[in-house]
Amino acid sequence: MARKLRILALLLVVLIALGLVFEQRILGAIGSYLIDAESPVKADIAVVLAGDGRGNRILKAGELVKQGFVSSALVSGPDGNFGFSECDLAIPFAVKAGYPESYFVHFENTARSTYDEARVVVEELHRLGVHSVLVVTSDYHTRRAGRMYRNAAPDLRITMVAAPDTYFTQDGWWHNREGQKTALYEWMKTVAVWVGI
């Protein structure tokens, strides 16, 4: 019994030592797994996913319209932000940043999760006759959101486009509290999807 405990203790010490030696690589891999984005391509429309209170997603979509990848961006806008839909706050933010309001299409909805949002957005894309879409979301959200959108619309050509996040970077998210929280929450949601919750 004592021999088994010594072997277990030694294994634990080795694992801790390896963790310390390869800490940066391990943490970087944890962050980079969440990102599954592609370079933008020409598409029928862009979709700006809700959930970005800093405006990085809508500004990225404005850039995509300006560069000619799409003619407009559908802005998902769940209600609940002090009586406003998120798209009602995001679009004026983008206009203030210099993008014409004509770039953006309001899409108010009541989605409360990425899964629900994918379902209602895909329904709207089908109604609009869209065949290809650039889904714009935060970089750390691209893998999980991409999976949900592709499952909801296997008939659409979906390209996931990453908007940068102010605090999360794949190779440095652990250096600040907001980046740490972002990684933790996204991993919790990713695992929840894996187990079907």
C-alpha atoms as a PDB file:
ATOM      1  CA  MET A   1       0.000   0.000   0.000  1.00  0.00           C
ATOM      2  CA  ALA A   2       2.809   2.407   0.922  1.00  0.00           C
ATOM      3  CA  ARG A   3       4.530   1.650  -2.397  1.00  0.00           C
ATOM      4  CA  LYS A   4       1.354   2.531  -4.344  1.00  0.00           C
ATOM      5  CA  LEU A   5       1.050   5.818  -2.461  1.00  0.00           C
ATOM      6  CA  ARG A   6       4.670   6.691  -3.270  1.00  0.00           C
ATOM      7  CA  ILE A   7       4.067   5.931  -6.968  1.00  0.00           C
ATOM      8  CA  LEU A   8       0.913   8.067  -6.976  1.00  0.00           C
ATOM      9  CA  ALA A   9       2.741  10.911  -5.214  1.00  0.00           C
ATOM     10  CA  LEU A  10       5.590  10.684  -7.730  1.00  0.00           C
ATOM     11  CA  LEU A  11       3.125  10.757 -10.651  1.00  0.00           C
ATOM     12  CA  LEU A  12       1.438  13.810  -9.159  1.00  0.00           C
ATOM     13  CA  VAL A  13       4.794  15.597  -8.778  1.00  0.00           C
ATOM     14  CA  VAL A  14       5.707  14.740 -12.392  1.00  0.00           C
ATOM     15  CA  LEU A  15       2.326  16.028 -13.651  1.00  0.00           C
ATOM     16  CA  ILE A  16       2.702  19.267 -11.689  1.00  0.00           C
ATOM     17  CA  ALA A  17       6.252  19.729 -12.993  1.00  0.00           C
ATOM     18  CA  LEU A  18       5.125  19.121 -16.580  1.00  0.00           C
ATOM     19  CA  GLY A  19       2.253  21.560 -16.055  1.00  0.00           C
ATOM     20  CA  LEU A  20       4.658  24.245 -14.858  1.00  0.00           C
ATOM     21  CA  VAL A  21       7.128  23.630 -17.692  1.00  0.00           C
ATOM     22  CA  PHE A  22       4.460  23.644 -20.396  1.00  0.00           C
ATOM     23  CA  GLU A  23       2.045  26.115 -18.780  1.00  0.00           C
ATOM     24  CA  GLN A  24       2.063  28.641 -21.638  1.00  0.00           C
ATOM     25  CA  ARG A  25       1.499  25.941 -24.275  1.00  0.00           C
ATOM     26  CA  ILE A  26      -1.264  24.258 -22.302  1.00  0.00           C
ATOM     27  CA  LEU A  27      -3.099  27.520 -21.608  1.00  0.00           C
ATOM     28  CA  GLY A  28      -2.631  28.598 -25.231  1.00  0.00           C
ATOM     29  CA  ALA A  29      -4.104  25.311 -26.448  1.00  0.00           C
ATOM     30  CA  ILE A  30      -7.072  25.753 -24.102  1.00  0.00           C
ATOM     31  CA  GLY A  31      -7.744  29.170 -25.652  1.00  0.00           C
ATOM     32  CA  SER A  32      -7.051  28.243 -29.257  1.00  0.00           C
ATOM     33  CA  TYR A  33      -9.416  25.258 -29.183  1.00  0.00           C
ATOM     34  CA  LEU A  34     -12.350  27.643 -28.751  1.00  0.00           C
ATOM     35  CA  ILE A  35     -11.489  29.418 -32.008  1.00  0.00           C
ATOM     36  CA  ASP A  36     -12.564  27.890 -35.311  1.00  0.00           C
ATOM     37  CA  ALA A  37     -12.745  30.853 -37.666  1.00  0.00           C
ATOM     38  CA  GLU A  38     -12.115  31.278 -41.367  1.00  0.00           C
ATOM     39  CA  SER A  39     -11.128  34.124 -43.644  1.00  0.00           C
ATOM     40  CA  PRO A  40     -14.169  35.921 -45.021  1.00  0.00           C
ATOM     41  CA  VAL A  41     -15.408  35.032 -48.496  1.00  0.00           C
ATOM     42  CA  LYS A  42     -18.051  36.570 -50.728  1.00  0.00           C
ATOM     43  CA  ALA A  43     -21.506  35.684 -49.357  1.00  0.00           C
ATOM     44  CA  ASP A  44     -25.154  36.718 -49.608  1.00  0.00           C
ATOM     45  CA  ILE A  45     -25.277  38.292 -46.152  1.00  0.00           C
ATOM     46  CA  ALA A  46     -23.478  38.564 -42.826  1.00  0.00           C
ATOM     47  CA  VAL A  47     -25.109  37.816 -39.489  1.00  0.00           C
ATOM     48  CA  VAL A  48     -23.962  39.576 -36.330  1.00  0.00           C
ATOM     49  CA  LEU A  49     -24.575  37.367 -33.311  1.00  0.00           C
ATOM     50  CA  ALA A  50     -25.852  38.953 -30.139  1.00  0.00           C
ATOM     51  CA  GLY A  51     -23.949  39.047 -26.888  1.00  0.00           C
ATOM     52  CA  ASP A  52     -21.160  41.565 -27.509  1.00  0.00           C
ATOM     53  CA  GLY A  53     -21.645  44.640 -25.361  1.00  0.00           C
ATOM     54  CA  ARG A  54     -18.384  46.187 -26.560  1.00  0.00           C
ATOM     55  CA  GLY A  55     -19.382  46.383 -30.241  1.00  0.00           C
ATOM     56  CA  ASN A  56     -16.520  44.399 -31.772  1.00  0.00           C
ATOM     57  CA  ARG A  57     -18.873  42.070 -33.655  1.00  0.00           C
ATOM     58  CA  ILE A  58     -20.924  44.775 -35.347  1.00  0.00           C
ATOM     59  CA  LEU A  59     -17.825  46.756 -36.262  1.00  0.00           C
ATOM     60  CA  LYS A  60     -16.346  43.642 -37.888  1.00  0.00           C
ATOM     61  CA  ALA A  61     -19.589  43.183 -39.853  1.00  0.00           C
ATOM     62  CA  GLY A  62     -19.483  46.824 -40.968  1.00  0.00           C
ATOM     63  CA  GLU A  63     -15.940  46.236 -42.188  1.00  0.00           C
ATOM     64  CA  LEU A  64     -17.092  43.159 -44.151  1.00  0.00           C
ATOM     65  CA  VAL A  65     -19.847  45.156 -45.870  1.00  0.00           C
ATOM     66  CA  LYS A  66     -17.444  48.017 -46.605  1.00  0.00           C
ATOM     67  CA  GLN A  67     -14.923  45.583 -48.119  1.00  0.00           C
ATOM     68  CA  GLY A  68     -17.611  44.101 -50.390  1.00  0.00           C
ATOM     69  CA  PHE A  69     -17.804  40.592 -48.949  1.00  0.00           C
ATOM     70  CA  VAL A  70     -21.557  41.053 -48.344  1.00  0.00           C
ATOM     71  CA  SER A  71     -24.122  43.706 -49.224  1.00  0.00           C
ATOM     72  CA  SER A  72     -25.582  43.898 -45.708  1.00  0.00           C
ATOM     73  CA  ALA A  73     -25.455  42.475 -42.200  1.00  0.00           C
ATOM     74  CA  LEU A  74     -28.415  41.059 -40.320  1.00  0.00           C
ATOM     75  CA  VAL A  75     -27.992  42.172 -36.702  1.00  0.00           C
ATOM     76  CA  SER A  76     -29.478  39.773 -34.169  1.00  0.00           C
ATOM     77  CA  GLY A  77     -31.161  41.693 -31.406  1.00  0.00           C
ATOM     78  CA  PRO A  78     -32.636  39.888 -28.460  1.00  0.00           C
ATOM     79  CA  ASP A  79     -34.703  42.091 -26.206  1.00  0.00           C
ATOM     80  CA  GLY A  80     -33.922  42.805 -22.587  1.00  0.00           C
ATOM     81  CA  ASN A  81     -31.290  45.546 -22.577  1.00  0.00           C
ATOM     82  CA  PHE A  82     -33.081  48.192 -20.512  1.00  0.00           C
ATOM     83  CA  GLY A  83     -36.157  47.806 -22.689  1.00  0.00           C
ATOM     84  CA  PHE A  84     -34.205  47.845 -25.965  1.00  0.00           C
ATOM     85  CA  SER A  85     -33.353  45.096 -28.415  1.00  0.00           C
ATOM     86  CA  GLU A  86     -29.618  44.612 -28.771  1.00  0.00           C
ATOM     87  CA  CYS A  87     -29.744  45.520 -32.472  1.00  0.00           C
ATOM     88  CA  ASP A  88     -31.334  48.867 -31.534  1.00  0.00           C
ATOM     89  CA  LEU A  89     -28.209  49.658 -29.523  1.00  0.00           C
ATOM     90  CA  ALA A  90     -25.598  48.020 -31.765  1.00  0.00           C
ATOM     91  CA  ILE A  91     -26.544  49.677 -35.052  1.00  0.00           C
ATOM     92  CA  PRO A  92     -26.321  53.281 -33.747  1.00  0.00           C
ATOM     93  CA  PHE A  93     -22.969  52.319 -32.207  1.00  0.00           C
ATOM     94  CA  ALA A  94     -21.705  51.238 -35.645  1.00  0.00           C
ATOM     95  CA  VAL A  95     -23.138  54.381 -37.265  1.00  0.00           C
ATOM     96  CA  LYS A  96     -21.308  56.504 -34.684  1.00  0.00           C
ATOM     97  CA  ALA A  97     -18.137  54.613 -35.654  1.00  0.00           C
ATOM     98  CA  GLY A  98     -18.631  55.739 -39.277  1.00  0.00           C
ATOM     99  CA  TYR A  99     -20.597  52.939 -40.954  1.00  0.00           C
ATOM    100  CA  PRO A 100     -23.793  53.833 -42.849  1.00  0.00           C
ATOM    101  CA  GLU A 101     -27.008  52.617 -41.239  1.00  0.00           C
ATOM    102  CA  SER A 102     -27.946  51.107 -44.616  1.00  0.00           C
ATOM    103  CA  TYR A 103     -25.291  48.417 -44.028  1.00  0.00           C
ATOM    104  CA  PHE A 104     -27.370  46.865 -41.266  1.00  0.00           C
ATOM    105  CA  VAL A 105     -30.712  45.072 -41.003  1.00  0.00           C
ATOM    106  CA  HIS A 106     -32.523  44.988 -37.652  1.00  0.00           C
ATOM    107  CA  PHE A 107     -33.524  41.506 -36.557  1.00  0.00           C
ATOM    108  CA  GLU A 108     -35.289  41.647 -33.230  1.00  0.00           C
ATOM    109  CA  ASN A 109     -35.901  38.304 -31.548  1.00  0.00           C
ATOM    110  CA  THR A 110     -36.359  36.709 -28.146  1.00  0.00           C
ATOM    111  CA  ALA A 111     -33.508  34.176 -28.243  1.00  0.00           C
ATOM    112  CA  ARG A 112     -31.812  33.533 -24.908  1.00  0.00           C
ATOM    113  CA  SER A 113     -29.030  31.211 -26.034  1.00  0.00           C
ATOM    114  CA  THR A 114     -26.810  30.582 -29.051  1.00  0.00           C
ATOM    115  CA  TYR A 115     -28.895  27.495 -29.791  1.00  0.00           C
ATOM    116  CA  ASP A 116     -32.152  29.495 -29.813  1.00  0.00           C
ATOM    117  CA  GLU A 117     -30.525  32.304 -31.778  1.00  0.00           C
ATOM    118  CA  ALA A 118     -29.288  29.855 -34.446  1.00  0.00           C
ATOM    119  CA  ARG A 119     -32.787  28.473 -34.838  1.00  0.00           C
ATOM    120  CA  VAL A 120     -34.505  31.873 -35.300  1.00  0.00           C
ATOM    121  CA  VAL A 121     -31.716  33.360 -37.429  1.00  0.00           C
ATOM    122  CA  VAL A 122     -31.646  30.352 -39.775  1.00  0.00           C
ATOM    123  CA  GLU A 123     -35.425  30.585 -40.137  1.00  0.00           C
ATOM    124  CA  GLU A 124     -35.010  34.246 -41.153  1.00  0.00           C
ATOM    125  CA  LEU A 125     -32.171  33.423 -43.567  1.00  0.00           C
ATOM    126  CA  HIS A 126     -34.361  30.829 -45.267  1.00  0.00           C
ATOM    127  CA  ARG A 127     -37.186  33.360 -45.473  1.00  0.00           C
ATOM    128  CA  LEU A 128     -34.775  35.799 -47.159  1.00  0.00           C
ATOM    129  CA  GLY A 129     -33.628  33.143 -49.659  1.00  0.00           C
ATOM    130  CA  VAL A 130     -30.015  33.213 -48.468  1.00  0.00           C
ATOM    131  CA  HIS A 131     -27.613  30.484 -49.625  1.00  0.00           C
ATOM    132  CA  SER A 132     -24.340  31.681 -48.097  1.00  0.00           C
ATOM    133  CA  VAL A 133     -23.659  33.584 -44.897  1.00  0.00           C
ATOM    134  CA  LEU A 134     -20.773  35.033 -42.918  1.00  0.00           C
ATOM    135  CA  VAL A 135     -21.550  34.492 -39.233  1.00  0.00           C
ATOM    136  CA  VAL A 136     -19.716  37.156 -37.231  1.00  0.00           C
ATOM    137  CA  THR A 137     -19.046  36.483 -33.578  1.00  0.00           C
ATOM    138  CA  SER A 138     -16.268  36.854 -31.022  1.00  0.00           C
ATOM    139  CA  ASP A 139     -13.233  34.714 -31.764  1.00  0.00           C
ATOM    140  CA  TYR A 140     -13.671  32.546 -28.652  1.00  0.00           C
ATOM    141  CA  HIS A 141     -17.303  31.824 -29.674  1.00  0.00           C
ATOM    142  CA  THR A 142     -16.623  30.684 -33.254  1.00  0.00           C
ATOM    143  CA  ARG A 143     -16.242  26.932 -32.652  1.00  0.00           C
ATOM    144  CA  ARG A 144     -19.386  26.463 -30.564  1.00  0.00           C
ATOM    145  CA  ALA A 145     -21.526  28.858 -32.599  1.00  0.00           C
ATOM    146  CA  GLY A 146     -20.290  27.365 -35.865  1.00  0.00           C
ATOM    147  CA  ARG A 147     -21.325  23.911 -34.763  1.00  0.00           C
ATOM    148  CA  MET A 148     -24.796  25.111 -33.815  1.00  0.00           C
ATOM    149  CA  TYR A 149     -25.356  27.106 -37.006  1.00  0.00           C
ATOM    150  CA  ARG A 150     -24.129  24.291 -39.255  1.00  0.00           C
ATOM    151  CA  ASN A 151     -26.384  21.818 -37.451  1.00  0.00           C
ATOM    152  CA  ALA A 152     -29.344  24.191 -37.786  1.00  0.00           C
ATOM    153  CA  ALA A 153     -28.697  24.867 -41.497  1.00  0.00           C
ATOM    154  CA  PRO A 154     -26.785  22.110 -43.304  1.00  0.00           C
ATOM    155  CA  ASP A 155     -28.137  23.539 -46.579  1.00  0.00           C
ATOM    156  CA  LEU A 156     -26.367  26.909 -46.142  1.00  0.00           C
ATOM    157  CA  ARG A 157     -22.713  27.688 -46.823  1.00  0.00           C
ATOM    158  CA  ILE A 158     -21.657  29.070 -43.451  1.00  0.00           C
ATOM    159  CA  THR A 159     -18.344  30.818 -42.883  1.00  0.00           C
ATOM    160  CA  MET A 160     -17.445  31.731 -39.314  1.00  0.00           C
ATOM    161  CA  VAL A 161     -15.711  35.110 -39.095  1.00  0.00           C
ATOM    162  CA  ALA A 162     -13.990  36.113 -35.868  1.00  0.00           C
ATOM    163  CA  ALA A 163     -14.305  39.535 -34.329  1.00  0.00           C
ATOM    164  CA  PRO A 164     -11.505  40.323 -31.884  1.00  0.00           C
ATOM    165  CA  ASP A 165     -12.327  40.504 -28.196  1.00  0.00           C
ATOM    166  CA  THR A 166     -10.962  43.246 -25.972  1.00  0.00           C
ATOM    167  CA  TYR A 167      -9.799  40.868 -23.227  1.00  0.00           C
ATOM    168  CA  PHE A 168      -9.595  37.381 -24.724  1.00  0.00           C
ATOM    169  CA  THR A 169      -6.694  36.321 -26.925  1.00  0.00           C
ATOM    170  CA  GLN A 170      -5.852  32.680 -27.495  1.00  0.00           C
ATOM    171  CA  ASP A 171      -2.285  33.162 -26.340  1.00  0.00           C
ATOM    172  CA  GLY A 172      -2.858  35.469 -23.386  1.00  0.00           C
ATOM    173  CA  TRP A 173      -6.389  35.129 -21.990  1.00  0.00           C
ATOM    174  CA  TRP A 174      -5.074  34.046 -18.578  1.00  0.00           C
ATOM    175  CA  HIS A 175      -3.330  37.397 -17.973  1.00  0.00           C
ATOM    176  CA  ASN A 176      -6.491  39.324 -17.094  1.00  0.00           C
ATOM    177  CA  ARG A 177      -9.641  38.617 -15.097  1.00  0.00           C
ATOM    178  CA  GLU A 178     -12.072  39.269 -17.974  1.00  0.00           C
ATOM    179  CA  GLY A 179     -10.135  36.924 -20.262  1.00  0.00           C
ATOM    180  CA  GLN A 180     -10.148  34.246 -17.574  1.00  0.00           C
ATOM    181  CA  LYS A 181     -13.908  34.564 -17.080  1.00  0.00           C
ATOM    182  CA  THR A 182     -14.511  34.488 -20.831  1.00  0.00           C
ATOM    183  CA  ALA A 183     -12.477  31.282 -21.248  1.00  0.00           C
ATOM    184  CA  LEU A 184     -14.151  29.632 -18.259  1.00  0.00           C
ATOM    185  CA  TYR A 185     -17.702  30.479 -19.377  1.00  0.00           C
ATOM    186  CA  GLU A 186     -17.073  29.463 -22.981  1.00  0.00           C
ATOM    187  CA  TRP A 187     -15.532  26.167 -21.905  1.00  0.00           C
ATOM    188  CA  MET A 188     -18.473  25.484 -19.583  1.00  0.00           C
ATOM    189  CA  LYS A 189     -20.877  26.119 -22.471  1.00  0.00           C
ATOM    190  CA  THR A 190     -18.770  24.002 -24.840  1.00  0.00           C
ATOM    191  CA  VAL A 191     -18.793  21.057 -22.432  1.00  0.00           C
ATOM    192  CA  ALA A 192     -22.548  21.528 -21.930  1.00  0.00           C
ATOM    193  CA  VAL A 193     -23.017  21.177 -25.709  1.00  0.00           C
ATOM    194  CA  TRP A 194     -20.866  18.027 -25.729  1.00  0.00           C
ATOM    195  CA  VAL A 195     -23.002  16.365 -23.062  1.00  0.00           C
ATOM    196  CA  GLY A 196     -26.255  17.588 -24.562  1.00  0.00           C
ATOM    197  CA  ILE A 197     -27.347  20.079 -21.922  1.00  0.00           C
END
